[in-house]
Amino acid sequence: MNRLYNIACFLALVLAVCITAATLVGTLAQQWWIGELLSHPRPQYALILLCCLPLIVARFHQLGWLVLIPLLLNLITFAPLYFSKPLPVSAPSFTALHYNLDATLPDHTVAFTYLRNHPVDILLLLKKEGLLLSSESGYGVQSTWPAYLPPVLGIPIDLCLYSQGIAIVDRYIGSFLGGDHRPLFIQFQL
């Protein structure tokens, strides 16, 4: 039993070192496509590090920082998404849909039926000057890719950015429609 425990502690340490490296590259090298890719699964990084923490602290006391620092860094980057929900403006609201239809599927009936039952408004995106805001603020991490995995294992790579003067009323992820991404719905007010 002691040997199995030592192996589990060692594997937890190796996993924590890999996650720490991915966290650092994802944080420091976001201008590089690999760094950008590594910055997407932050909730999964935090979950893995949280699971490794008890084993590493119990077996390798002095290496607890190896888990705590990247755990805090990952939590700091995605935790605010759950708290700062924009206040809606009293105006008519519209719904926008972002969805990638998989061109390799021979039949798109499921997607078209879904769209028929969940109407969306037409959205014109105009180029505006100024800072764009993320629609994720206040709605937490909502993963859209890959669609065949449970949402907790997916990553939020589909973004909706908006400019000042637009208020996000609701943001949610639709169900699997057969593509490689889940649909992203944005309800907003002008």
Protein backbone atom coordinates (compact mmCIF):
# COMPACT_ATOMS: atom_id res chain seq x y z
CA MET A 1 0.00 0.00 0.00
CA ASN A 2 2.89 2.37 0.83
CA ARG A 3 4.42 1.73 -2.61
CA LEU A 4 1.14 2.56 -4.34
CA TYR A 5 0.86 5.75 -2.29
CA ASN A 6 4.41 6.77 -3.27
CA ILE A 7 3.68 6.15 -6.95
CA ALA A 8 0.46 8.20 -6.72
CA CYS A 9 2.35 11.06 -5.03
CA PHE A 10 5.09 10.96 -7.67
CA LEU A 11 2.55 10.98 -10.53
CA ALA A 12 0.71 13.88 -8.88
CA LEU A 13 4.00 15.77 -8.69
CA VAL A 14 4.80 15.10 -12.37
CA LEU A 15 1.29 16.19 -13.37
CA ALA A 16 1.58 19.34 -11.25
CA VAL A 17 4.92 20.21 -12.89
CA CYS A 18 3.35 19.79 -16.37
CA ILE A 19 0.31 21.90 -15.43
CA THR A 20 2.59 24.54 -13.90
CA ALA A 21 4.60 24.71 -17.14
CA ALA A 22 1.40 24.97 -19.22
CA THR A 23 0.09 27.69 -16.90
CA LEU A 24 3.29 29.73 -17.18
CA VAL A 25 3.51 29.38 -20.98
CA GLY A 26 -0.21 30.19 -21.28
CA THR A 27 0.24 33.29 -19.12
CA LEU A 28 3.54 34.65 -20.40
CA ALA A 29 3.39 33.76 -24.11
CA GLN A 30 -0.14 34.68 -25.19
CA GLN A 31 1.13 36.32 -28.37
CA TRP A 32 2.39 32.91 -29.49
CA TRP A 33 -0.33 30.54 -30.76
CA ILE A 34 0.81 27.70 -28.46
CA GLY A 35 0.69 30.05 -25.47
CA GLU A 36 -2.80 31.17 -26.47
CA LEU A 37 -3.91 27.56 -26.84
CA LEU A 38 -2.50 26.66 -23.41
CA SER A 39 -4.38 29.54 -21.77
CA HIS A 40 -7.84 28.15 -22.63
CA PRO A 41 -8.22 25.18 -20.22
CA ARG A 42 -7.58 27.18 -17.01
CA PRO A 43 -10.57 25.70 -15.12
CA GLN A 44 -9.28 22.20 -15.90
CA TYR A 45 -5.78 23.19 -14.76
CA ALA A 46 -7.19 24.47 -11.47
CA LEU A 47 -9.24 21.29 -10.96
CA ILE A 48 -6.23 19.04 -11.62
CA LEU A 49 -3.98 21.07 -9.32
CA LEU A 50 -6.64 21.01 -6.60
CA CYS A 51 -6.74 17.22 -6.84
CA CYS A 52 -2.92 16.96 -6.74
CA LEU A 53 -2.51 19.37 -3.83
CA PRO A 54 -3.27 16.97 -0.93
CA LEU A 55 -0.93 14.26 -2.24
CA ILE A 56 1.93 16.65 -2.92
CA VAL A 57 1.63 18.49 0.41
CA ALA A 58 1.38 15.20 2.33
CA ARG A 59 4.42 13.63 0.67
CA PHE A 60 6.59 16.56 -0.48
CA HIS A 61 5.94 19.29 2.12
CA GLN A 62 8.37 21.84 0.67
CA LEU A 63 6.92 21.55 -2.86
CA GLY A 64 3.42 22.74 -1.97
CA TRP A 65 4.17 26.09 -3.63
CA LEU A 66 4.54 24.23 -6.92
CA VAL A 67 0.81 23.64 -6.78
CA LEU A 68 -0.39 26.73 -4.91
CA ILE A 69 1.14 29.40 -7.17
CA PRO A 70 -0.26 28.08 -10.49
CA LEU A 71 -3.54 27.16 -8.77
CA LEU A 72 -3.97 30.76 -7.61
CA LEU A 73 -2.86 32.12 -10.99
CA ASN A 74 -5.46 29.98 -12.79
CA LEU A 75 -8.20 30.85 -10.28
CA ILE A 76 -7.44 34.57 -10.61
CA THR A 77 -7.83 34.43 -14.39
CA PHE A 78 -11.24 32.74 -14.56
CA ALA A 79 -12.92 33.35 -11.17
CA PRO A 80 -13.90 36.99 -11.99
CA LEU A 81 -16.02 35.67 -14.87
CA TYR A 82 -18.54 34.48 -12.28
CA PHE A 83 -19.00 37.78 -10.45
CA SER A 84 -19.13 40.90 -12.64
CA LYS A 85 -22.40 40.59 -14.54
CA PRO A 86 -23.26 43.78 -16.49
CA LEU A 87 -26.49 45.49 -15.55
CA PRO A 88 -29.12 45.32 -18.31
CA VAL A 89 -30.37 48.50 -19.93
CA SER A 90 -34.14 49.00 -20.29
CA ALA A 91 -34.37 48.61 -24.07
CA PRO A 92 -35.48 45.89 -26.49
CA SER A 93 -33.17 42.89 -26.40
CA PHE A 94 -31.85 40.76 -29.26
CA THR A 95 -30.41 37.26 -29.41
CA ALA A 96 -27.30 36.42 -31.41
CA LEU A 97 -26.09 32.92 -32.16
CA HIS A 98 -22.51 31.88 -32.79
CA TYR A 99 -22.26 28.36 -34.15
CA ASN A 100 -19.82 26.54 -36.40
CA LEU A 101 -21.58 24.06 -38.66
CA ASP A 102 -19.45 21.03 -39.45
CA ALA A 103 -19.14 20.87 -43.23
CA THR A 104 -18.12 17.20 -43.17
CA LEU A 105 -21.50 16.06 -41.83
CA PRO A 106 -23.81 14.93 -44.63
CA ASP A 107 -27.01 15.86 -42.79
CA HIS A 108 -27.58 19.13 -40.92
CA THR A 109 -31.22 18.44 -40.05
CA VAL A 110 -30.58 18.48 -36.28
CA ALA A 111 -28.96 21.93 -36.46
CA PHE A 112 -31.69 23.40 -38.66
CA THR A 113 -34.46 21.93 -36.47
CA TYR A 114 -32.79 23.43 -33.41
CA LEU A 115 -32.58 26.83 -35.10
CA ARG A 116 -36.21 26.62 -36.17
CA ASN A 117 -37.26 25.99 -32.54
CA HIS A 118 -34.86 28.59 -31.05
CA PRO A 119 -35.21 31.74 -33.15
CA VAL A 120 -32.41 34.29 -33.11
CA ASP A 121 -32.25 37.87 -34.36
CA ILE A 122 -30.00 38.96 -37.15
CA LEU A 123 -26.86 40.61 -35.83
CA LEU A 124 -24.82 43.13 -37.79
CA LEU A 125 -21.33 43.62 -36.40
CA LEU A 126 -20.02 47.09 -37.08
CA LYS A 127 -16.42 48.12 -36.55
CA LYS A 128 -16.35 50.52 -33.65
CA GLU A 129 -13.49 52.33 -32.03
CA GLY A 130 -12.60 51.64 -28.44
CA LEU A 131 -12.12 48.77 -26.04
CA LEU A 132 -14.09 45.58 -26.61
CA LEU A 133 -15.56 43.80 -23.59
CA SER A 134 -15.95 40.05 -23.09
CA SER A 135 -19.47 38.65 -22.88
CA GLU A 136 -18.18 35.98 -20.44
CA SER A 137 -18.09 38.48 -17.55
CA GLY A 138 -20.70 37.43 -15.02
CA TYR A 139 -21.50 34.12 -16.71
CA GLY A 140 -18.44 32.08 -15.81
CA VAL A 141 -16.56 29.65 -17.98
CA GLN A 142 -18.85 28.26 -20.68
CA SER A 143 -17.02 25.77 -22.85
CA THR A 144 -18.00 25.30 -26.48
CA TRP A 145 -15.28 23.03 -27.88
CA PRO A 146 -15.06 20.12 -28.46
CA ALA A 147 -18.79 19.52 -28.44
CA TYR A 148 -18.57 15.75 -27.94
CA LEU A 149 -16.97 16.12 -24.47
CA PRO A 150 -18.89 17.03 -21.30
CA PRO A 151 -18.81 20.83 -20.77
CA VAL A 152 -16.51 20.57 -17.74
CA LEU A 153 -13.82 19.00 -19.97
CA GLY A 154 -14.24 21.42 -22.87
CA ILE A 155 -12.61 24.79 -23.39
CA PRO A 156 -14.23 28.19 -24.07
CA ILE A 157 -12.69 29.08 -27.43
CA ASP A 158 -15.75 30.77 -28.97
CA LEU A 159 -15.81 34.38 -27.87
CA CYS A 160 -18.25 37.23 -28.21
CA LEU A 161 -16.73 40.66 -27.72
CA TYR A 162 -18.85 43.80 -27.64
CA SER A 163 -18.36 47.54 -27.40
CA GLN A 164 -19.56 50.14 -24.90
CA GLY A 165 -23.26 50.92 -25.28
CA ILE A 166 -24.30 47.27 -25.65
CA ALA A 167 -25.51 45.41 -22.56
CA ILE A 168 -25.38 41.62 -22.33
CA VAL A 169 -28.68 40.33 -20.92
CA ASP A 170 -27.96 36.60 -21.09
CA ARG A 171 -25.25 34.28 -22.38
CA TYR A 172 -25.60 30.52 -22.63
CA ILE A 173 -24.31 27.49 -24.47
CA GLY A 174 -26.73 25.39 -26.48
CA SER A 175 -26.79 21.62 -26.73
CA PHE A 176 -24.72 19.46 -29.08
CA LEU A 177 -25.98 19.79 -32.66
CA GLY A 178 -23.53 17.60 -34.52
CA GLY A 179 -20.73 20.09 -35.13
CA ASP A 180 -17.41 20.26 -33.34
CA HIS A 181 -18.51 23.34 -31.33
CA ARG A 182 -21.59 23.85 -29.15
CA PRO A 183 -23.64 26.92 -30.16
CA LEU A 184 -23.06 30.13 -28.18
CA PHE A 185 -26.14 32.31 -27.61
CA ILE A 186 -25.85 35.96 -26.62
CA GLN A 187 -28.88 38.04 -25.68
CA PHE A 188 -28.08 41.74 -25.65
CA GLN A 189 -29.61 45.21 -25.54
CA LEU A 190 -28.58 48.30 -27.47
